Amino acid sequence: PEDRHRRGLLLDFDLAENSILGDHYRQPAVSGLGDVFLNDKGIRERALQVINDFDVRPPNPDLPARSLSGGNQQKLIIGREFGPGPKLLLVSQPTRGVDIGAIEFIHRKLVALRDAGCAVLLVSAELEEVTALADRLLIIHKGRVVGEVDPKLATIEEIGLLMTGGNKD
C-alpha cells in the first residue's frame, strides 16, 4: 500500500498478527470446525516464515509493528503479500520511505517473484525504480494510457514527455 501506516499495518498489533492481515480466514491462521478459530501456532509459524524469508529485524513476532523501522515494516508487508505464491501482485510505492538496503532487498524479491511466473503490476512515483524493474512501461496522463515503451530502450526524456501529455513521435 502507498501508506504502510494507514493501510498496510495495524501498528499496535504484533508482527504475528500483522503477518496474516488479509489472509486471516485461511490456513494456517485458522483451524477447527469450519475454520472459525484463530490458530495461534499457525499464525506464529507464518510470522516466523515471513520474518526469516524477508529478513525482518528484530526477528521477534511478539513485537508491535510500530517498533520496527520503516524498511522492516515494509519488508513485513511485502513478505505477507507474497504469501502463498500469488499469480498477480499489485504493488504501489513498494520502497517509499525506506533505506537503500531495504530498497535493493525489495527489488530483488519483486524480480524473483516475477521470474517465478507472477504478474507484478508496479505503481511508483520513482521513475528509476520503474525503469529498473519493469518489462514494459505504460505511461498514464490524466487518467488515460498515452504510451507504451520498453523501459530498457526508452530515454528518461521520452518517458517524461509522455508523462506530461506530449507525443514521442
N, C-alpha and C. Protein backbone atom coordinates (compact mmCIF):
# COMPACT_ATOMS: atom_id res chain seq x y z
N PRO A 1 0.83 -1.21 0.00
CA PRO A 1 0.00 0.00 0.00
C PRO A 1 0.87 1.26 0.00
N GLU A 2 0.32 2.33 -0.54
CA GLU A 2 1.06 3.58 -0.58
C GLU A 2 1.42 4.08 0.82
N ASP A 3 0.53 3.92 1.76
CA ASP A 3 0.77 4.39 3.13
C ASP A 3 0.76 3.18 4.06
N ARG A 4 1.93 2.69 4.39
CA ARG A 4 2.01 1.45 5.18
C ARG A 4 1.41 1.60 6.57
N HIS A 5 1.39 2.82 7.11
CA HIS A 5 0.83 3.01 8.46
C HIS A 5 -0.69 3.06 8.45
N ARG A 6 -1.28 3.58 7.41
CA ARG A 6 -2.74 3.69 7.37
C ARG A 6 -3.40 2.48 6.73
N ARG A 7 -2.73 1.82 5.79
CA ARG A 7 -3.37 0.75 5.06
C ARG A 7 -2.64 -0.60 5.09
N GLY A 8 -1.41 -0.61 5.55
CA GLY A 8 -0.63 -1.84 5.48
C GLY A 8 -0.44 -2.58 6.78
N LEU A 9 -0.50 -1.85 7.89
CA LEU A 9 -0.22 -2.45 9.19
C LEU A 9 -1.20 -1.94 10.24
N LEU A 10 -1.36 -2.75 11.26
CA LEU A 10 -2.01 -2.31 12.49
C LEU A 10 -0.87 -2.12 13.47
N LEU A 11 -0.46 -0.87 13.66
CA LEU A 11 0.79 -0.57 14.37
C LEU A 11 0.83 -1.08 15.80
N ASP A 12 -0.30 -1.16 16.47
CA ASP A 12 -0.30 -1.63 17.85
C ASP A 12 -0.43 -3.15 17.96
N PHE A 13 -0.64 -3.82 16.84
CA PHE A 13 -0.69 -5.29 16.82
C PHE A 13 0.73 -5.81 16.63
N ASP A 14 0.95 -7.04 17.09
CA ASP A 14 2.30 -7.59 16.96
C ASP A 14 2.55 -8.08 15.53
N LEU A 15 3.80 -8.46 15.28
CA LEU A 15 4.20 -8.88 13.94
C LEU A 15 3.45 -10.13 13.51
N ALA A 16 3.19 -11.04 14.45
CA ALA A 16 2.45 -12.26 14.12
C ALA A 16 1.06 -11.91 13.61
N GLU A 17 0.36 -11.04 14.32
CA GLU A 17 -0.99 -10.65 13.90
C GLU A 17 -0.95 -9.91 12.56
N ASN A 18 0.03 -9.05 12.37
CA ASN A 18 0.16 -8.32 11.12
C ASN A 18 0.54 -9.23 9.95
N SER A 19 1.18 -10.34 10.24
CA SER A 19 1.62 -11.24 9.16
C SER A 19 0.46 -11.98 8.50
N ILE A 20 -0.73 -11.95 9.10
CA ILE A 20 -1.87 -12.66 8.49
C ILE A 20 -2.97 -11.72 8.02
N LEU A 21 -2.77 -10.42 8.12
CA LEU A 21 -3.82 -9.50 7.66
C LEU A 21 -4.17 -9.80 6.21
N GLY A 22 -5.45 -9.90 5.94
CA GLY A 22 -5.91 -10.23 4.59
C GLY A 22 -6.00 -11.72 4.34
N ASP A 23 -5.28 -12.51 5.12
CA ASP A 23 -5.32 -13.97 5.00
C ASP A 23 -5.80 -14.60 6.29
N HIS A 24 -6.40 -13.83 7.15
CA HIS A 24 -6.80 -14.29 8.48
C HIS A 24 -7.89 -15.36 8.44
N TYR A 25 -8.49 -15.58 7.31
CA TYR A 25 -9.57 -16.56 7.18
C TYR A 25 -9.10 -17.87 6.55
N ARG A 26 -7.80 -17.98 6.24
CA ARG A 26 -7.27 -19.17 5.59
C ARG A 26 -6.24 -19.87 6.47
N GLN A 27 -5.97 -21.12 6.14
CA GLN A 27 -4.92 -21.86 6.81
C GLN A 27 -3.60 -21.15 6.56
N PRO A 28 -2.66 -21.13 7.46
CA PRO A 28 -2.66 -21.75 8.78
C PRO A 28 -3.21 -20.84 9.88
N ALA A 29 -3.80 -19.70 9.51
CA ALA A 29 -4.27 -18.75 10.52
C ALA A 29 -5.49 -19.24 11.28
N VAL A 30 -6.25 -20.14 10.68
CA VAL A 30 -7.47 -20.63 11.32
C VAL A 30 -7.44 -22.14 11.41
N SER A 31 -8.28 -22.66 12.30
CA SER A 31 -8.39 -24.11 12.45
C SER A 31 -9.73 -24.42 13.09
N GLY A 32 -9.98 -25.67 13.28
CA GLY A 32 -11.22 -26.07 13.93
C GLY A 32 -12.35 -26.28 12.93
N LEU A 33 -13.46 -26.69 13.45
CA LEU A 33 -14.63 -26.96 12.63
C LEU A 33 -15.03 -25.71 11.85
N GLY A 34 -15.00 -25.81 10.54
CA GLY A 34 -15.37 -24.68 9.71
C GLY A 34 -14.35 -23.56 9.69
N ASP A 35 -13.15 -23.83 10.18
CA ASP A 35 -12.08 -22.83 10.21
C ASP A 35 -12.52 -21.51 10.83
N VAL A 36 -13.10 -21.59 12.01
CA VAL A 36 -13.59 -20.38 12.67
C VAL A 36 -12.72 -19.92 13.84
N PHE A 37 -11.73 -20.70 14.22
CA PHE A 37 -10.89 -20.35 15.36
C PHE A 37 -9.50 -19.94 14.88
N LEU A 38 -8.97 -18.88 15.46
CA LEU A 38 -7.61 -18.50 15.13
C LEU A 38 -6.65 -19.55 15.67
N ASN A 39 -5.67 -19.88 14.88
CA ASN A 39 -4.68 -20.89 15.22
C ASN A 39 -3.38 -20.16 15.60
N ASP A 40 -3.19 -19.93 16.89
CA ASP A 40 -2.03 -19.16 17.35
C ASP A 40 -0.71 -19.77 16.88
N LYS A 41 -0.61 -21.09 16.92
CA LYS A 41 0.63 -21.75 16.49
C LYS A 41 0.86 -21.51 14.99
N GLY A 42 -0.18 -21.67 14.19
CA GLY A 42 -0.07 -21.45 12.75
C GLY A 42 0.27 -20.00 12.42
N ILE A 43 -0.33 -19.07 13.15
CA ILE A 43 -0.06 -17.65 12.94
C ILE A 43 1.40 -17.34 13.26
N ARG A 44 1.86 -17.88 14.37
CA ARG A 44 3.26 -17.65 14.77
C ARG A 44 4.23 -18.26 13.76
N GLU A 45 3.93 -19.46 13.27
CA GLU A 45 4.79 -20.09 12.26
C GLU A 45 4.84 -19.26 10.98
N ARG A 46 3.68 -18.75 10.58
CA ARG A 46 3.62 -17.90 9.38
C ARG A 46 4.44 -16.64 9.60
N ALA A 47 4.32 -16.03 10.77
CA ALA A 47 5.09 -14.82 11.07
C ALA A 47 6.59 -15.10 11.02
N LEU A 48 7.01 -16.20 11.62
CA LEU A 48 8.44 -16.54 11.62
C LEU A 48 8.94 -16.80 10.20
N GLN A 49 8.10 -17.40 9.37
CA GLN A 49 8.48 -17.63 7.97
C GLN A 49 8.70 -16.29 7.25
N VAL A 50 7.78 -15.36 7.42
CA VAL A 50 7.91 -14.04 6.80
C VAL A 50 9.15 -13.33 7.35
N ILE A 51 9.30 -13.35 8.66
CA ILE A 51 10.44 -12.68 9.30
C ILE A 51 11.76 -13.24 8.78
N ASN A 52 11.86 -14.56 8.66
CA ASN A 52 13.10 -15.18 8.18
C ASN A 52 13.32 -14.96 6.69
N ASP A 53 12.27 -15.18 5.88
CA ASP A 53 12.41 -15.06 4.43
C ASP A 53 12.67 -13.62 3.98
N PHE A 54 12.19 -12.66 4.74
CA PHE A 54 12.32 -11.25 4.34
C PHE A 54 13.22 -10.45 5.28
N ASP A 55 13.96 -11.16 6.12
CA ASP A 55 14.98 -10.54 6.96
C ASP A 55 14.44 -9.36 7.77
N VAL A 56 13.28 -9.56 8.39
CA VAL A 56 12.68 -8.52 9.24
C VAL A 56 13.43 -8.50 10.56
N ARG A 57 13.87 -7.30 10.96
CA ARG A 57 14.65 -7.15 12.19
C ARG A 57 14.00 -6.14 13.12
N PRO A 58 14.00 -6.42 14.41
CA PRO A 58 14.44 -7.64 15.06
C PRO A 58 13.47 -8.79 14.78
N PRO A 59 13.98 -10.01 14.78
CA PRO A 59 13.17 -11.18 14.41
C PRO A 59 12.30 -11.72 15.54
N ASN A 60 11.42 -10.89 16.05
CA ASN A 60 10.59 -11.28 17.18
C ASN A 60 9.12 -11.06 16.83
N PRO A 61 8.35 -12.12 16.61
CA PRO A 61 6.95 -11.97 16.21
C PRO A 61 6.05 -11.36 17.28
N ASP A 62 6.55 -11.22 18.50
CA ASP A 62 5.74 -10.66 19.58
C ASP A 62 5.85 -9.14 19.70
N LEU A 63 6.73 -8.53 18.93
CA LEU A 63 6.90 -7.08 18.99
C LEU A 63 5.76 -6.37 18.26
N PRO A 64 5.37 -5.19 18.74
CA PRO A 64 4.37 -4.42 17.99
C PRO A 64 4.99 -3.89 16.70
N ALA A 65 4.19 -3.80 15.66
CA ALA A 65 4.68 -3.35 14.35
C ALA A 65 5.29 -1.96 14.42
N ARG A 66 4.79 -1.11 15.31
CA ARG A 66 5.31 0.25 15.39
C ARG A 66 6.75 0.29 15.86
N SER A 67 7.26 -0.79 16.45
CA SER A 67 8.63 -0.80 16.96
C SER A 67 9.66 -1.04 15.85
N LEU A 68 9.22 -1.40 14.66
CA LEU A 68 10.13 -1.66 13.55
C LEU A 68 10.48 -0.38 12.82
N SER A 69 11.64 -0.38 12.17
CA SER A 69 12.00 0.73 11.28
C SER A 69 11.07 0.69 10.07
N GLY A 70 11.04 1.78 9.31
CA GLY A 70 10.20 1.83 8.12
C GLY A 70 10.53 0.74 7.12
N GLY A 71 11.82 0.48 6.93
CA GLY A 71 12.23 -0.57 5.99
C GLY A 71 11.78 -1.94 6.43
N ASN A 72 11.87 -2.22 7.72
CA ASN A 72 11.43 -3.52 8.23
C ASN A 72 9.91 -3.64 8.23
N GLN A 73 9.20 -2.55 8.46
CA GLN A 73 7.74 -2.58 8.31
C GLN A 73 7.37 -2.92 6.87
N GLN A 74 8.07 -2.29 5.92
CA GLN A 74 7.78 -2.53 4.51
C GLN A 74 8.10 -3.98 4.13
N LYS A 75 9.21 -4.52 4.65
CA LYS A 75 9.56 -5.92 4.35
C LYS A 75 8.52 -6.88 4.93
N LEU A 76 7.99 -6.55 6.11
CA LEU A 76 6.94 -7.39 6.70
C LEU A 76 5.70 -7.39 5.80
N ILE A 77 5.30 -6.23 5.31
CA ILE A 77 4.13 -6.14 4.43
C ILE A 77 4.37 -6.91 3.14
N ILE A 78 5.53 -6.71 2.54
CA ILE A 78 5.82 -7.39 1.27
C ILE A 78 5.88 -8.89 1.48
N GLY A 79 6.51 -9.33 2.57
CA GLY A 79 6.55 -10.76 2.87
C GLY A 79 5.18 -11.35 3.06
N ARG A 80 4.32 -10.62 3.74
CA ARG A 80 2.94 -11.08 3.95
C ARG A 80 2.21 -11.19 2.61
N GLU A 81 2.36 -10.20 1.75
CA GLU A 81 1.63 -10.19 0.49
C GLU A 81 2.17 -11.22 -0.50
N PHE A 82 3.44 -11.55 -0.41
CA PHE A 82 4.00 -12.58 -1.28
C PHE A 82 3.44 -13.95 -0.91
N GLY A 83 3.07 -14.09 0.35
CA GLY A 83 2.39 -15.25 0.89
C GLY A 83 2.46 -16.53 0.09
N PRO A 84 1.29 -17.09 -0.19
CA PRO A 84 1.23 -18.42 -0.81
C PRO A 84 1.35 -18.38 -2.33
N GLY A 85 2.36 -17.71 -2.85
CA GLY A 85 2.62 -17.72 -4.29
C GLY A 85 1.52 -17.09 -5.13
N PRO A 86 1.37 -15.78 -5.07
CA PRO A 86 0.30 -15.14 -5.85
C PRO A 86 0.54 -15.25 -7.35
N LYS A 87 -0.53 -15.23 -8.12
CA LYS A 87 -0.43 -15.21 -9.58
C LYS A 87 -0.34 -13.78 -10.09
N LEU A 88 -0.90 -12.85 -9.32
CA LEU A 88 -0.87 -11.43 -9.65
C LEU A 88 -0.62 -10.65 -8.37
N LEU A 89 0.30 -9.71 -8.44
CA LEU A 89 0.59 -8.86 -7.29
C LEU A 89 0.60 -7.41 -7.74
N LEU A 90 -0.22 -6.60 -7.12
CA LEU A 90 -0.24 -5.16 -7.37
C LEU A 90 0.53 -4.49 -6.25
N VAL A 91 1.61 -3.80 -6.58
CA VAL A 91 2.40 -3.11 -5.57
C VAL A 91 2.43 -1.62 -5.89
N SER A 92 2.12 -0.83 -4.89
CA SER A 92 2.09 0.62 -5.05
C SER A 92 3.10 1.24 -4.10
N GLN A 93 4.06 1.95 -4.65
CA GLN A 93 5.11 2.61 -3.87
C GLN A 93 5.81 1.62 -2.92
N PRO A 94 6.31 0.50 -3.43
CA PRO A 94 6.85 -0.53 -2.54
C PRO A 94 8.09 -0.11 -1.75
N THR A 95 8.78 0.93 -2.19
CA THR A 95 10.00 1.32 -1.49
C THR A 95 9.93 2.74 -0.92
N ARG A 96 8.75 3.29 -0.82
CA ARG A 96 8.61 4.66 -0.30
C ARG A 96 9.09 4.73 1.15
N GLY A 97 10.01 5.65 1.40
CA GLY A 97 10.45 5.92 2.76
C GLY A 97 11.35 4.88 3.39
N VAL A 98 12.01 4.04 2.58
CA VAL A 98 12.90 3.03 3.15
C VAL A 98 14.34 3.30 2.72
N ASP A 99 15.30 2.73 3.45
CA ASP A 99 16.71 2.97 3.14
C ASP A 99 17.15 2.15 1.93
N ILE A 100 18.34 2.45 1.43
CA ILE A 100 18.84 1.83 0.21
C ILE A 100 18.95 0.31 0.33
N GLY A 101 19.33 -0.19 1.51
CA GLY A 101 19.42 -1.64 1.70
C GLY A 101 18.07 -2.31 1.55
N ALA A 102 17.04 -1.71 2.14
CA ALA A 102 15.69 -2.26 2.02
C ALA A 102 15.18 -2.15 0.59
N ILE A 103 15.52 -1.05 -0.09
CA ILE A 103 15.10 -0.88 -1.49
C ILE A 103 15.66 -2.02 -2.34
N GLU A 104 16.95 -2.27 -2.22
CA GLU A 104 17.58 -3.33 -3.00
C GLU A 104 16.99 -4.69 -2.66
N PHE A 105 16.74 -4.95 -1.39
CA PHE A 105 16.15 -6.22 -0.96
C PHE A 105 14.76 -6.39 -1.58
N ILE A 106 13.93 -5.36 -1.49
CA ILE A 106 12.57 -5.42 -2.03
C ILE A 106 12.61 -5.61 -3.54
N HIS A 107 13.50 -4.91 -4.22
CA HIS A 107 13.62 -5.07 -5.67
C HIS A 107 13.98 -6.51 -6.04
N ARG A 108 14.95 -7.09 -5.32
CA ARG A 108 15.34 -8.48 -5.60
C ARG A 108 14.16 -9.43 -5.41
N LYS A 109 13.38 -9.22 -4.36
CA LYS A 109 12.22 -10.09 -4.10
C LYS A 109 11.16 -9.93 -5.18
N LEU A 110 10.92 -8.70 -5.64
CA LEU A 110 9.94 -8.48 -6.71
C LEU A 110 10.38 -9.17 -8.01
N VAL A 111 11.65 -9.05 -8.34
CA VAL A 111 12.17 -9.69 -9.55
C VAL A 111 12.08 -11.22 -9.43
N ALA A 112 12.41 -11.76 -8.27
CA ALA A 112 12.32 -13.21 -8.06
C ALA A 112 10.89 -13.70 -8.21
N LEU A 113 9.94 -12.94 -7.69
CA LEU A 113 8.54 -13.33 -7.82
C LEU A 113 8.11 -13.29 -9.28
N ARG A 114 8.51 -12.23 -9.98
CA ARG A 114 8.21 -12.13 -11.41
C ARG A 114 8.82 -13.32 -12.17
N ASP A 115 10.07 -13.64 -11.87
CA ASP A 115 10.75 -14.74 -12.54
C ASP A 115 10.10 -16.09 -12.24
N ALA A 116 9.39 -16.18 -11.11
CA ALA A 116 8.68 -17.41 -10.74
C ALA A 116 7.32 -17.50 -11.42
N GLY A 117 6.97 -16.50 -12.24
CA GLY A 117 5.73 -16.58 -13.00
C GLY A 117 4.60 -15.69 -12.53
N CYS A 118 4.83 -14.90 -11.52
CA CYS A 118 3.79 -13.99 -11.02
C CYS A 118 3.79 -12.72 -11.87
N ALA A 119 2.61 -12.26 -12.22
CA ALA A 119 2.48 -10.97 -12.89
C ALA A 119 2.54 -9.89 -11.81
N VAL A 120 3.47 -8.97 -11.95
CA VAL A 120 3.64 -7.90 -10.96
C VAL A 120 3.28 -6.57 -11.63
N LEU A 121 2.29 -5.90 -11.10
CA LEU A 121 1.91 -4.58 -11.57
C LEU A 121 2.47 -3.58 -10.57
N LEU A 122 3.44 -2.81 -11.02
CA LEU A 122 4.16 -1.87 -10.16
C LEU A 122 3.69 -0.45 -10.43
N VAL A 123 3.27 0.22 -9.38
CA VAL A 123 2.92 1.64 -9.45
C VAL A 123 3.91 2.37 -8.56
N SER A 124 4.64 3.32 -9.15
CA SER A 124 5.65 4.02 -8.37
C SER A 124 5.86 5.42 -8.92
N ALA A 125 6.12 6.35 -8.02
CA ALA A 125 6.47 7.71 -8.41
C ALA A 125 7.96 7.81 -8.74
N GLU A 126 8.70 6.75 -8.47
CA GLU A 126 10.14 6.74 -8.71
C GLU A 126 10.42 6.19 -10.11
N LEU A 127 10.72 7.08 -11.05
CA LEU A 127 10.94 6.67 -12.43
C LEU A 127 12.10 5.69 -12.56
N GLU A 128 13.15 5.90 -11.78
CA GLU A 128 14.30 4.98 -11.83
C GLU A 128 13.90 3.58 -11.38
N GLU A 129 13.03 3.49 -10.40
CA GLU A 129 12.55 2.21 -9.91
C GLU A 129 11.74 1.49 -11.00
N VAL A 130 10.87 2.23 -11.63
CA VAL A 130 10.03 1.65 -12.68
C VAL A 130 10.87 1.15 -13.84
N THR A 131 11.81 1.97 -14.31
CA THR A 131 12.61 1.56 -15.47
C THR A 131 13.54 0.41 -15.12
N ALA A 132 13.98 0.31 -13.87
CA ALA A 132 14.86 -0.79 -13.47
C ALA A 132 14.12 -2.11 -13.34
N LEU A 133 12.85 -2.08 -12.96
CA LEU A 133 12.11 -3.31 -12.66
C LEU A 133 11.16 -3.76 -13.76
N ALA A 134 10.68 -2.84 -14.57
CA ALA A 134 9.59 -3.17 -15.50
C ALA A 134 10.08 -3.88 -16.75
N ASP A 135 9.25 -4.78 -17.25
CA ASP A 135 9.47 -5.40 -18.56
C ASP A 135 8.85 -4.54 -19.65
N ARG A 136 7.76 -3.88 -19.31
CA ARG A 136 7.11 -2.93 -20.21
C ARG A 136 6.54 -1.82 -19.36
N LEU A 137 6.42 -0.67 -19.97
CA LEU A 137 6.03 0.52 -19.24
C LEU A 137 4.87 1.19 -19.95
N LEU A 138 3.75 1.32 -19.24
CA LEU A 138 2.60 2.05 -19.75
C LEU A 138 2.57 3.40 -19.05
N ILE A 139 2.51 4.45 -19.83
CA ILE A 139 2.51 5.79 -19.26
C ILE A 139 1.10 6.33 -19.24
N ILE A 140 0.70 6.86 -18.08
CA ILE A 140 -0.65 7.38 -17.89
C ILE A 140 -0.56 8.89 -17.71
N HIS A 141 -1.42 9.60 -18.41
CA HIS A 141 -1.54 11.06 -18.26
C HIS A 141 -3.01 11.40 -18.18
N LYS A 142 -3.39 12.11 -17.13
CA LYS A 142 -4.78 12.50 -16.91
C LYS A 142 -5.73 11.30 -16.97
N GLY A 143 -5.29 10.19 -16.35
CA GLY A 143 -6.14 9.01 -16.23
C GLY A 143 -6.23 8.13 -17.47
N ARG A 144 -5.46 8.43 -18.49
CA ARG A 144 -5.50 7.63 -19.73
C ARG A 144 -4.11 7.14 -20.09
N VAL A 145 -4.04 5.93 -20.62
CA VAL A 145 -2.76 5.42 -21.12
C VAL A 145 -2.43 6.19 -22.39
N VAL A 146 -1.27 6.86 -22.38
CA VAL A 146 -0.87 7.67 -23.54
C VAL A 146 0.32 7.08 -24.28
N GLY A 147 0.89 6.01 -23.77
CA GLY A 147 2.01 5.41 -24.46
C GLY A 147 2.50 4.15 -23.78
N GLU A 148 3.19 3.35 -24.57
CA GLU A 148 3.84 2.14 -24.06
C GLU A 148 5.25 2.13 -24.61
N VAL A 149 6.22 1.90 -23.74
CA VAL A 149 7.61 1.88 -24.16
C VAL A 149 8.32 0.70 -23.50
N ASP A 150 9.43 0.31 -24.10
CA ASP A 150 10.32 -0.67 -23.49
C ASP A 150 11.21 0.11 -22.53
N PRO A 151 11.13 -0.14 -21.24
CA PRO A 151 11.89 0.66 -20.28
C PRO A 151 13.41 0.52 -20.43
N LYS A 152 13.86 -0.54 -21.08
CA LYS A 152 15.30 -0.72 -21.27
C LYS A 152 15.81 0.10 -22.46
N LEU A 153 14.90 0.50 -23.36
CA LEU A 153 15.30 1.24 -24.56
C LEU A 153 14.90 2.71 -24.51
N ALA A 154 13.84 3.03 -23.82
CA ALA A 154 13.34 4.40 -23.78
C ALA A 154 14.25 5.29 -22.92
N THR A 155 14.33 6.54 -23.31
CA THR A 155 15.10 7.50 -22.51
C THR A 155 14.19 8.12 -21.45
N ILE A 156 14.81 8.66 -20.42
CA ILE A 156 14.06 9.36 -19.38
C ILE A 156 13.29 10.53 -19.99
N GLU A 157 13.91 11.20 -20.96
CA GLU A 157 13.26 12.33 -21.62
C GLU A 157 12.00 11.89 -22.36
N GLU A 158 12.10 10.76 -23.08
CA GLU A 158 10.95 10.24 -23.82
C GLU A 158 9.80 9.88 -22.87
N ILE A 159 10.14 9.22 -21.79
CA ILE A 159 9.12 8.85 -20.80
C ILE A 159 8.52 10.11 -20.17
N GLY A 160 9.39 11.06 -19.81
CA GLY A 160 8.92 12.31 -19.22
C GLY A 160 8.00 13.08 -20.15
N LEU A 161 8.31 13.10 -21.43
CA LEU A 161 7.46 13.78 -22.41
C LEU A 161 6.07 13.16 -22.43
N LEU A 162 6.01 11.83 -22.44
CA LEU A 162 4.71 11.15 -22.42
C LEU A 162 3.96 11.43 -21.11
N MET A 163 4.69 11.47 -20.01
CA MET A 163 4.05 11.71 -18.72
C MET A 163 3.41 13.09 -18.64
N THR A 164 3.92 14.03 -19.41
CA THR A 164 3.37 15.39 -19.39
C THR A 164 2.36 15.62 -20.50
N GLY A 165 2.01 14.56 -21.22
CA GLY A 165 0.99 14.69 -22.26
C GLY A 165 1.54 14.91 -23.65
N GLY A 166 2.86 14.95 -23.77
CA GLY A 166 3.47 15.13 -25.08
C GLY A 166 3.43 13.84 -25.89
N ASN A 167 3.82 13.93 -27.14
CA ASN A 167 3.82 12.78 -28.04
C ASN A 167 5.25 12.47 -28.41
N LYS A 168 5.65 11.20 -28.31
CA LYS A 168 7.03 10.83 -28.60
C LYS A 168 7.33 10.81 -30.09
N ASP A 169 6.32 10.88 -30.93
CA ASP A 169 6.54 10.83 -32.39
C ASP A 169 6.82 12.14 -32.97
